Amino acid sequence: AAVGGVDIIKDDELLSETSYNNRIKRIEMYMQMAKKADRIKGEKTLYAVNITDRADRLLDNALDAINAGANALMVNYLTQGISDMRCLAENPKINVPILAHLDFSGVLYANAYGGMSSHLVLGKLARLAGADMIVYPIESGKYRLLDEKYRQIAYDLVLPWQNIKSTLPIPAGGLSANLVPKVLYDLGFDCAISAGGAIHGHPMGAIAGAKALRQAIDAVVAGLDINEYAENHKELKAALEKWS
């Protein structure tokens, strides 16, 4: 995926530290591969390792990860705790970006008769907690949001808000190359595109899957129709044939 042009690779939210998958060993292996990919593509890849844990272990997990070479961290900020996330983000020893994951958010916003608005849970609260970037659902993906809510989350993450730094929106959840134009037209270019199945499920393999997404982005940025652009880009064409 990194060789194909992916900028950020994250752990699954369910993967943290297990007897069969040691976090430090995982970091060392991932970063070794990321550096190889960087030399091939001429760009830098971030690996956001999941450090979610008990409150008393979070900072140690973060420092151990950074010392092992991690260049980004991931926290399931709602199950971890918003205050825990804020403490981590404000700690001067944490010198790498923090990716916030949305898991557990549906419990807070999906009920029409209770909870709070999704743009508060996934937008303002994540930004207040110090997230540098956050993964959240797209309007037309597998975890549905109302169109206006999906847009409002992005606005709450990036628009000026006193002295609070912006957070990079990362729309996700069933996002494939055919949906890239809608996302970028809806949210603008100040966001990242997140995909898993669209990369690893590409009929030509993961490298081609990553290239297809980059090609879709390039087409939209250049103001071109992705279907026409795909005629000269085989990876994008294969992706559109599978997912459109």
C-alpha atoms as a PDB file:
ATOM      1  CA  ALA A   1       0.000   0.000   0.000  1.00  0.00           C
ATOM      2  CA  ALA A   2       2.777   2.435   0.907  1.00  0.00           C
ATOM      3  CA  VAL A   3       4.642   1.751  -2.329  1.00  0.00           C
ATOM      4  CA  GLY A   4       1.465   2.556  -4.245  1.00  0.00           C
ATOM      5  CA  GLY A   5       1.258   5.995  -2.666  1.00  0.00           C
ATOM      6  CA  VAL A   6      -0.511   5.655   0.692  1.00  0.00           C
ATOM      7  CA  ASP A   7       0.642   8.426   3.054  1.00  0.00           C
ATOM      8  CA  ILE A   8      -0.721   7.120   6.368  1.00  0.00           C
ATOM      9  CA  ILE A   9      -1.106   3.510   7.492  1.00  0.00           C
ATOM     10  CA  LYS A  10      -2.902   2.818  10.765  1.00  0.00           C
ATOM     11  CA  ASP A  11      -3.513  -0.170  12.980  1.00  0.00           C
ATOM     12  CA  ASP A  12      -6.978  -1.641  13.174  1.00  0.00           C
ATOM     13  CA  GLU A  13      -8.831  -0.234  16.167  1.00  0.00           C
ATOM     14  CA  LEU A  14      -9.111  -3.748  17.642  1.00  0.00           C
ATOM     15  CA  LEU A  15      -5.363  -4.338  17.476  1.00  0.00           C
ATOM     16  CA  SER A  16      -3.243  -2.992  20.300  1.00  0.00           C
ATOM     17  CA  GLU A  17      -1.020  -5.295  22.354  1.00  0.00           C
ATOM     18  CA  THR A  18      -1.543  -9.052  22.314  1.00  0.00           C
ATOM     19  CA  SER A  19       0.468 -12.144  23.192  1.00  0.00           C
ATOM     20  CA  TYR A  20       0.741 -12.985  19.493  1.00  0.00           C
ATOM     21  CA  ASN A  21       1.302  -9.450  18.173  1.00  0.00           C
ATOM     22  CA  ASN A  22       3.748  -7.415  20.228  1.00  0.00           C
ATOM     23  CA  ARG A  23       3.406  -3.682  19.642  1.00  0.00           C
ATOM     24  CA  ILE A  24       7.113  -2.859  19.712  1.00  0.00           C
ATOM     25  CA  LYS A  25       8.025  -5.668  17.322  1.00  0.00           C
ATOM     26  CA  ARG A  26       5.175  -4.548  15.076  1.00  0.00           C
ATOM     27  CA  ILE A  27       6.505  -0.988  15.033  1.00  0.00           C
ATOM     28  CA  GLU A  28      10.016  -2.121  14.169  1.00  0.00           C
ATOM     29  CA  MET A  29       8.774  -4.274  11.289  1.00  0.00           C
ATOM     30  CA  TYR A  30       6.330  -1.691   9.939  1.00  0.00           C
ATOM     31  CA  MET A  31       8.836   1.145  10.071  1.00  0.00           C
ATOM     32  CA  GLN A  32      11.451  -0.970   8.331  1.00  0.00           C
ATOM     33  CA  MET A  33       9.009  -1.624   5.494  1.00  0.00           C
ATOM     34  CA  ALA A  34       7.832   2.001   5.472  1.00  0.00           C
ATOM     35  CA  LYS A  35      11.380   3.247   4.975  1.00  0.00           C
ATOM     36  CA  LYS A  36      11.837   0.856   2.052  1.00  0.00           C
ATOM     37  CA  ALA A  37       8.603   2.115   0.528  1.00  0.00           C
ATOM     38  CA  ASP A  38       9.673   5.722   1.061  1.00  0.00           C
ATOM     39  CA  ARG A  39      12.847   5.151  -0.926  1.00  0.00           C
ATOM     40  CA  ILE A  40      10.833   3.673  -3.781  1.00  0.00           C
ATOM     41  CA  LYS A  41       8.126   6.325  -3.976  1.00  0.00           C
ATOM     42  CA  GLY A  42      10.139   9.348  -2.835  1.00  0.00           C
ATOM     43  CA  GLU A  43       7.591  10.292  -0.181  1.00  0.00           C
ATOM     44  CA  LYS A  44       7.238   9.779   3.566  1.00  0.00           C
ATOM     45  CA  THR A  45       4.831   7.247   5.075  1.00  0.00           C
ATOM     46  CA  LEU A  46       3.348   7.613   8.551  1.00  0.00           C
ATOM     47  CA  TYR A  47       2.511   4.522  10.589  1.00  0.00           C
ATOM     48  CA  ALA A  48      -0.051   5.251  13.313  1.00  0.00           C
ATOM     49  CA  VAL A  49       0.330   2.516  15.912  1.00  0.00           C
ATOM     50  CA  ASN A  50      -2.580   1.835  18.262  1.00  0.00           C
ATOM     51  CA  ILE A  51      -1.538   2.593  21.845  1.00  0.00           C
ATOM     52  CA  THR A  52      -5.034   2.472  23.403  1.00  0.00           C
ATOM     53  CA  ASP A  53      -4.867   0.955  26.893  1.00  0.00           C
ATOM     54  CA  ARG A  54      -5.673   1.607  30.541  1.00  0.00           C
ATOM     55  CA  ALA A  55      -5.256   5.253  31.530  1.00  0.00           C
ATOM     56  CA  ASP A  56      -2.152   4.543  33.610  1.00  0.00           C
ATOM     57  CA  ARG A  57      -0.408   2.864  30.662  1.00  0.00           C
ATOM     58  CA  LEU A  58      -1.202   5.290  27.848  1.00  0.00           C
ATOM     59  CA  LEU A  59       1.759   7.660  28.198  1.00  0.00           C
ATOM     60  CA  ASP A  60       4.243   4.826  28.648  1.00  0.00           C
ATOM     61  CA  ASN A  61       2.818   3.139  25.556  1.00  0.00           C
ATOM     62  CA  ALA A  62       3.248   6.363  23.606  1.00  0.00           C
ATOM     63  CA  LEU A  63       6.829   6.958  24.722  1.00  0.00           C
ATOM     64  CA  ASP A  64       7.797   3.334  24.150  1.00  0.00           C
ATOM     65  CA  ALA A  65       6.302   3.514  20.655  1.00  0.00           C
ATOM     66  CA  ILE A  66       8.169   6.710  19.794  1.00  0.00           C
ATOM     67  CA  ASN A  67      11.421   5.300  21.155  1.00  0.00           C
ATOM     68  CA  ALA A  68      10.893   2.229  18.963  1.00  0.00           C
ATOM     69  CA  GLY A  69      10.633   4.460  15.894  1.00  0.00           C
ATOM     70  CA  ALA A  70       6.903   5.129  15.527  1.00  0.00           C
ATOM     71  CA  ASN A  71       6.247   8.350  13.625  1.00  0.00           C
ATOM     72  CA  ALA A  72       2.540   8.562  14.507  1.00  0.00           C
ATOM     73  CA  LEU A  73       0.199   7.285  17.219  1.00  0.00           C
ATOM     74  CA  MET A  74      -3.413   6.128  17.167  1.00  0.00           C
ATOM     75  CA  VAL A  75      -5.851   6.334  20.075  1.00  0.00           C
ATOM     76  CA  ASN A  76      -9.439   5.082  20.305  1.00  0.00           C
ATOM     77  CA  TYR A  77     -10.209   8.362  22.021  1.00  0.00           C
ATOM     78  CA  LEU A  78     -13.758   7.663  23.170  1.00  0.00           C
ATOM     79  CA  THR A  79     -13.053   4.322  24.847  1.00  0.00           C
ATOM     80  CA  GLN A  80      -9.694   5.601  26.062  1.00  0.00           C
ATOM     81  CA  GLY A  81     -11.212   8.777  27.461  1.00  0.00           C
ATOM     82  CA  ILE A  82     -11.228  12.324  26.111  1.00  0.00           C
ATOM     83  CA  SER A  83      -9.196  13.645  29.049  1.00  0.00           C
ATOM     84  CA  ASP A  84      -6.592  10.918  28.541  1.00  0.00           C
ATOM     85  CA  MET A  85      -6.324  11.935  24.904  1.00  0.00           C
ATOM     86  CA  ARG A  86      -5.929  15.589  25.825  1.00  0.00           C
ATOM     87  CA  CYS A  87      -3.212  14.843  28.372  1.00  0.00           C
ATOM     88  CA  LEU A  88      -1.323  12.881  25.751  1.00  0.00           C
ATOM     89  CA  ALA A  89      -1.659  15.595  23.109  1.00  0.00           C
ATOM     90  CA  GLU A  90      -0.493  18.326  25.491  1.00  0.00           C
ATOM     91  CA  ASN A  91       2.544  16.393  26.724  1.00  0.00           C
ATOM     92  CA  PRO A  92       5.698  18.003  25.254  1.00  0.00           C
ATOM     93  CA  LYS A  93       7.352  14.579  25.006  1.00  0.00           C
ATOM     94  CA  ILE A  94       4.846  13.552  22.339  1.00  0.00           C
ATOM     95  CA  ASN A  95       6.426  14.880  19.152  1.00  0.00           C
ATOM     96  CA  VAL A  96       4.504  12.854  16.562  1.00  0.00           C
ATOM     97  CA  PRO A  97       0.950  13.309  15.224  1.00  0.00           C
ATOM     98  CA  ILE A  98      -1.972  11.568  16.927  1.00  0.00           C
ATOM     99  CA  LEU A  99      -4.742   9.911  14.931  1.00  0.00           C
ATOM    100  CA  ALA A 100      -8.079   9.591  16.739  1.00  0.00           C
ATOM    101  CA  HIS A 101     -10.278   6.611  15.897  1.00  0.00           C
ATOM    102  CA  LEU A 102     -14.069   6.816  15.990  1.00  0.00           C
ATOM    103  CA  ASP A 103     -14.912   3.461  17.594  1.00  0.00           C
ATOM    104  CA  PHE A 104     -17.709   3.623  20.201  1.00  0.00           C
ATOM    105  CA  SER A 105     -18.993   6.882  18.662  1.00  0.00           C
ATOM    106  CA  GLY A 106     -22.191   5.290  17.375  1.00  0.00           C
ATOM    107  CA  VAL A 107     -23.259   4.594  20.946  1.00  0.00           C
ATOM    108  CA  LEU A 108     -23.210   8.341  21.565  1.00  0.00           C
ATOM    109  CA  TYR A 109     -24.823   9.748  18.412  1.00  0.00           C
ATOM    110  CA  ALA A 110     -26.747   7.008  16.552  1.00  0.00           C
ATOM    111  CA  ASN A 111     -29.871   7.091  18.752  1.00  0.00           C
ATOM    112  CA  ALA A 112     -32.410   9.633  17.508  1.00  0.00           C
ATOM    113  CA  TYR A 113     -33.864   9.970  21.016  1.00  0.00           C
ATOM    114  CA  GLY A 114     -30.713  10.458  23.060  1.00  0.00           C
ATOM    115  CA  GLY A 115     -27.001  11.084  23.062  1.00  0.00           C
ATOM    116  CA  MET A 116     -25.483  14.033  21.216  1.00  0.00           C
ATOM    117  CA  SER A 117     -24.942  15.209  17.672  1.00  0.00           C
ATOM    118  CA  SER A 118     -22.299  13.397  15.635  1.00  0.00           C
ATOM    119  CA  HIS A 119     -20.549  16.638  14.733  1.00  0.00           C
ATOM    120  CA  LEU A 120     -19.877  17.203  18.435  1.00  0.00           C
ATOM    121  CA  VAL A 121     -18.658  13.657  19.129  1.00  0.00           C
ATOM    122  CA  LEU A 122     -16.523  13.313  16.004  1.00  0.00           C
ATOM    123  CA  GLY A 123     -15.798  16.972  15.382  1.00  0.00           C
ATOM    124  CA  LYS A 124     -15.506  19.436  18.220  1.00  0.00           C
ATOM    125  CA  LEU A 125     -14.699  16.998  21.039  1.00  0.00           C
ATOM    126  CA  ALA A 126     -11.950  15.288  19.053  1.00  0.00           C
ATOM    127  CA  ARG A 127     -10.482  18.664  18.133  1.00  0.00           C
ATOM    128  CA  LEU A 128     -10.672  19.889  21.728  1.00  0.00           C
ATOM    129  CA  ALA A 129      -8.911  16.708  22.835  1.00  0.00           C
ATOM    130  CA  GLY A 130      -5.951  17.547  20.609  1.00  0.00           C
ATOM    131  CA  ALA A 131      -6.362  15.046  17.781  1.00  0.00           C
ATOM    132  CA  ASP A 132      -4.188  15.884  14.787  1.00  0.00           C
ATOM    133  CA  MET A 133      -6.451  13.817  12.541  1.00  0.00           C
ATOM    134  CA  ILE A 134      -9.591  11.739  12.965  1.00  0.00           C
ATOM    135  CA  VAL A 135     -11.196   8.890  11.037  1.00  0.00           C
ATOM    136  CA  TYR A 136     -14.976   9.281  10.707  1.00  0.00           C
ATOM    137  CA  PRO A 137     -17.752   7.847   8.491  1.00  0.00           C
ATOM    138  CA  ILE A 138     -18.658   9.119   5.056  1.00  0.00           C
ATOM    139  CA  GLU A 139     -22.262   9.856   4.157  1.00  0.00           C
ATOM    140  CA  SER A 140     -22.543   7.114   1.540  1.00  0.00           C
ATOM    141  CA  GLY A 141     -20.416   4.376   3.084  1.00  0.00           C
ATOM    142  CA  LYS A 142     -21.074   1.389   5.304  1.00  0.00           C
ATOM    143  CA  TYR A 143     -21.592   3.496   8.474  1.00  0.00           C
ATOM    144  CA  ARG A 144     -24.199   5.996   7.360  1.00  0.00           C
ATOM    145  CA  LEU A 145     -24.389   9.620   8.478  1.00  0.00           C
ATOM    146  CA  LEU A 146     -26.792  12.286   7.323  1.00  0.00           C
ATOM    147  CA  ASP A 147     -25.171  14.287   4.548  1.00  0.00           C
ATOM    148  CA  GLU A 148     -25.312  17.535   6.501  1.00  0.00           C
ATOM    149  CA  LYS A 149     -23.737  15.872   9.558  1.00  0.00           C
ATOM    150  CA  TYR A 150     -20.879  14.373   7.570  1.00  0.00           C
ATOM    151  CA  ARG A 151     -20.131  17.824   6.164  1.00  0.00           C
ATOM    152  CA  GLN A 152     -20.549  19.566   9.520  1.00  0.00           C
ATOM    153  CA  ILE A 153     -17.995  17.267  11.154  1.00  0.00           C
ATOM    154  CA  ALA A 154     -15.378  18.356   8.620  1.00  0.00           C
ATOM    155  CA  TYR A 155     -16.277  22.023   9.064  1.00  0.00           C
ATOM    156  CA  ASP A 156     -15.987  21.748  12.850  1.00  0.00           C
ATOM    157  CA  LEU A 157     -12.553  20.166  12.454  1.00  0.00           C
ATOM    158  CA  VAL A 158     -10.990  22.760  10.164  1.00  0.00           C
ATOM    159  CA  LEU A 159     -12.756  26.122  10.421  1.00  0.00           C
ATOM    160  CA  PRO A 160     -11.195  28.852  12.647  1.00  0.00           C
ATOM    161  CA  TRP A 161     -12.068  28.346  16.311  1.00  0.00           C
ATOM    162  CA  GLN A 162     -10.369  30.741  18.708  1.00  0.00           C
ATOM    163  CA  ASN A 163      -6.814  29.488  19.373  1.00  0.00           C
ATOM    164  CA  ILE A 164      -7.599  25.799  18.820  1.00  0.00           C
ATOM    165  CA  LYS A 165      -5.601  24.134  16.076  1.00  0.00           C
ATOM    166  CA  SER A 166      -7.443  22.369  13.290  1.00  0.00           C
ATOM    167  CA  THR A 167      -7.774  18.599  12.965  1.00  0.00           C
ATOM    168  CA  LEU A 168      -7.413  16.809   9.634  1.00  0.00           C
ATOM    169  CA  PRO A 169     -10.696  15.115   8.612  1.00  0.00           C
ATOM    170  CA  ILE A 170     -10.262  11.548   7.354  1.00  0.00           C
ATOM    171  CA  PRO A 171     -13.580  10.370   5.867  1.00  0.00           C
ATOM    172  CA  ALA A 172     -13.727   6.570   5.805  1.00  0.00           C
ATOM    173  CA  GLY A 173     -15.900   3.474   5.889  1.00  0.00           C
ATOM    174  CA  GLY A 174     -16.529   1.830   2.530  1.00  0.00           C
ATOM    175  CA  LEU A 175     -14.731   4.541   0.584  1.00  0.00           C
ATOM    176  CA  SER A 176     -13.522   3.498  -2.877  1.00  0.00           C
ATOM    177  CA  ALA A 177     -12.172   5.350  -5.912  1.00  0.00           C
ATOM    178  CA  ASN A 178     -15.618   6.044  -7.373  1.00  0.00           C
ATOM    179  CA  LEU A 179     -16.563   8.042  -4.249  1.00  0.00           C
ATOM    180  CA  VAL A 180     -13.450  10.240  -4.234  1.00  0.00           C
ATOM    181  CA  PRO A 181     -15.020  13.009  -6.390  1.00  0.00           C
ATOM    182  CA  LYS A 182     -18.023  13.338  -4.077  1.00  0.00           C
ATOM    183  CA  VAL A 183     -15.875  13.495  -0.938  1.00  0.00           C
ATOM    184  CA  LEU A 184     -13.514  16.120  -2.347  1.00  0.00           C
ATOM    185  CA  TYR A 185     -16.348  18.184  -3.827  1.00  0.00           C
ATOM    186  CA  ASP A 186     -18.185  18.030  -0.494  1.00  0.00           C
ATOM    187  CA  LEU A 187     -15.277  18.712   1.857  1.00  0.00           C
ATOM    188  CA  GLY A 188     -12.625  20.392  -0.265  1.00  0.00           C
ATOM    189  CA  PHE A 189      -9.013  19.342  -0.476  1.00  0.00           C
ATOM    190  CA  ASP A 190      -8.218  19.883   3.231  1.00  0.00           C
ATOM    191  CA  CYS A 191      -8.859  16.248   4.132  1.00  0.00           C
ATOM    192  CA  ALA A 192      -7.387  12.767   3.742  1.00  0.00           C
ATOM    193  CA  ILE A 193      -8.984   9.789   2.004  1.00  0.00           C
ATOM    194  CA  SER A 194      -9.139   6.592   4.066  1.00  0.00           C
ATOM    195  CA  ALA A 195      -9.592   3.183   2.466  1.00  0.00           C
ATOM    196  CA  GLY A 196      -8.895  -0.430   3.361  1.00  0.00           C
ATOM    197  CA  GLY A 197     -10.903  -2.784   1.192  1.00  0.00           C
ATOM    198  CA  ALA A 198     -10.528  -0.486  -1.814  1.00  0.00           C
ATOM    199  CA  ILE A 199      -6.765  -0.969  -1.583  1.00  0.00           C
ATOM    200  CA  HIS A 200      -6.341  -4.579  -0.531  1.00  0.00           C
ATOM    201  CA  GLY A 201      -9.405  -5.738  -2.447  1.00  0.00           C
ATOM    202  CA  HIS A 202      -8.274  -4.233  -5.744  1.00  0.00           C
ATOM    203  CA  PRO A 203      -8.235  -6.910  -8.478  1.00  0.00           C
ATOM    204  CA  MET A 204      -4.634  -6.018  -9.381  1.00  0.00           C
ATOM    205  CA  GLY A 205      -3.339  -6.030  -5.795  1.00  0.00           C
ATOM    206  CA  ALA A 206      -2.648  -3.541  -3.001  1.00  0.00           C
ATOM    207  CA  ILE A 207      -0.096  -1.418  -4.867  1.00  0.00           C
ATOM    208  CA  ALA A 208      -2.586  -0.941  -7.679  1.00  0.00           C
ATOM    209  CA  GLY A 209      -5.342  -0.216  -5.158  1.00  0.00           C
ATOM    210  CA  ALA A 210      -3.326   2.623  -3.660  1.00  0.00           C
ATOM    211  CA  LYS A 211      -2.431   3.935  -7.107  1.00  0.00           C
ATOM    212  CA  ALA A 212      -6.092   3.920  -8.118  1.00  0.00           C
ATOM    213  CA  LEU A 213      -7.013   6.164  -5.212  1.00  0.00           C
ATOM    214  CA  ARG A 214      -4.129   8.519  -5.921  1.00  0.00           C
ATOM    215  CA  GLN A 215      -5.188   8.652  -9.565  1.00  0.00           C
ATOM    216  CA  ALA A 216      -8.769   9.471  -8.581  1.00  0.00           C
ATOM    217  CA  ILE A 217      -7.517  12.268  -6.334  1.00  0.00           C
ATOM    218  CA  ASP A 218      -5.201  13.598  -9.051  1.00  0.00           C
ATOM    219  CA  ALA A 219      -8.080  13.670 -11.519  1.00  0.00           C
ATOM    220  CA  VAL A 220     -10.376  15.615  -9.202  1.00  0.00           C
ATOM    221  CA  VAL A 221      -7.661  18.094  -8.215  1.00  0.00           C
ATOM    222  CA  ALA A 222      -6.968  18.706 -11.913  1.00  0.00           C
ATOM    223  CA  GLY A 223     -10.685  19.225 -12.580  1.00  0.00           C
ATOM    224  CA  LEU A 224     -10.972  16.121 -14.761  1.00  0.00           C
ATOM    225  CA  ASP A 225     -13.673  13.463 -14.964  1.00  0.00           C
ATOM    226  CA  ILE A 226     -12.385  10.295 -13.293  1.00  0.00           C
ATOM    227  CA  ASN A 227     -14.023   8.007 -15.846  1.00  0.00           C
ATOM    228  CA  GLU A 228     -12.226   9.762 -18.682  1.00  0.00           C
ATOM    229  CA  TYR A 229      -8.998   9.864 -16.659  1.00  0.00           C
ATOM    230  CA  ALA A 230      -9.298   6.122 -16.071  1.00  0.00           C
ATOM    231  CA  GLU A 231      -8.998   5.383 -19.783  1.00  0.00           C
ATOM    232  CA  ASN A 232      -5.263   6.065 -19.517  1.00  0.00           C
ATOM    233  CA  HIS A 233      -4.804   4.746 -15.963  1.00  0.00           C
ATOM    234  CA  LYS A 234      -5.376   1.014 -15.714  1.00  0.00           C
ATOM    235  CA  GLU A 235      -5.427   0.866 -11.897  1.00  0.00           C
ATOM    236  CA  LEU A 236      -8.197   3.443 -11.654  1.00  0.00           C
ATOM    237  CA  LYS A 237     -10.116   1.812 -14.489  1.00  0.00           C
ATOM    238  CA  ALA A 238     -10.058  -1.570 -12.733  1.00  0.00           C
ATOM    239  CA  ALA A 239     -11.215   0.043  -9.479  1.00  0.00           C
ATOM    240  CA  LEU A 240     -14.121   1.817 -11.137  1.00  0.00           C
ATOM    241  CA  GLU A 241     -15.173  -1.361 -12.902  1.00  0.00           C
ATOM    242  CA  LYS A 242     -15.273  -3.212  -9.583  1.00  0.00           C
ATOM    243  CA  TRP A 243     -16.862  -0.620  -7.297  1.00  0.00           C
ATOM    244  CA  SER A 244     -18.931   1.756  -9.421  1.00  0.00           C
END
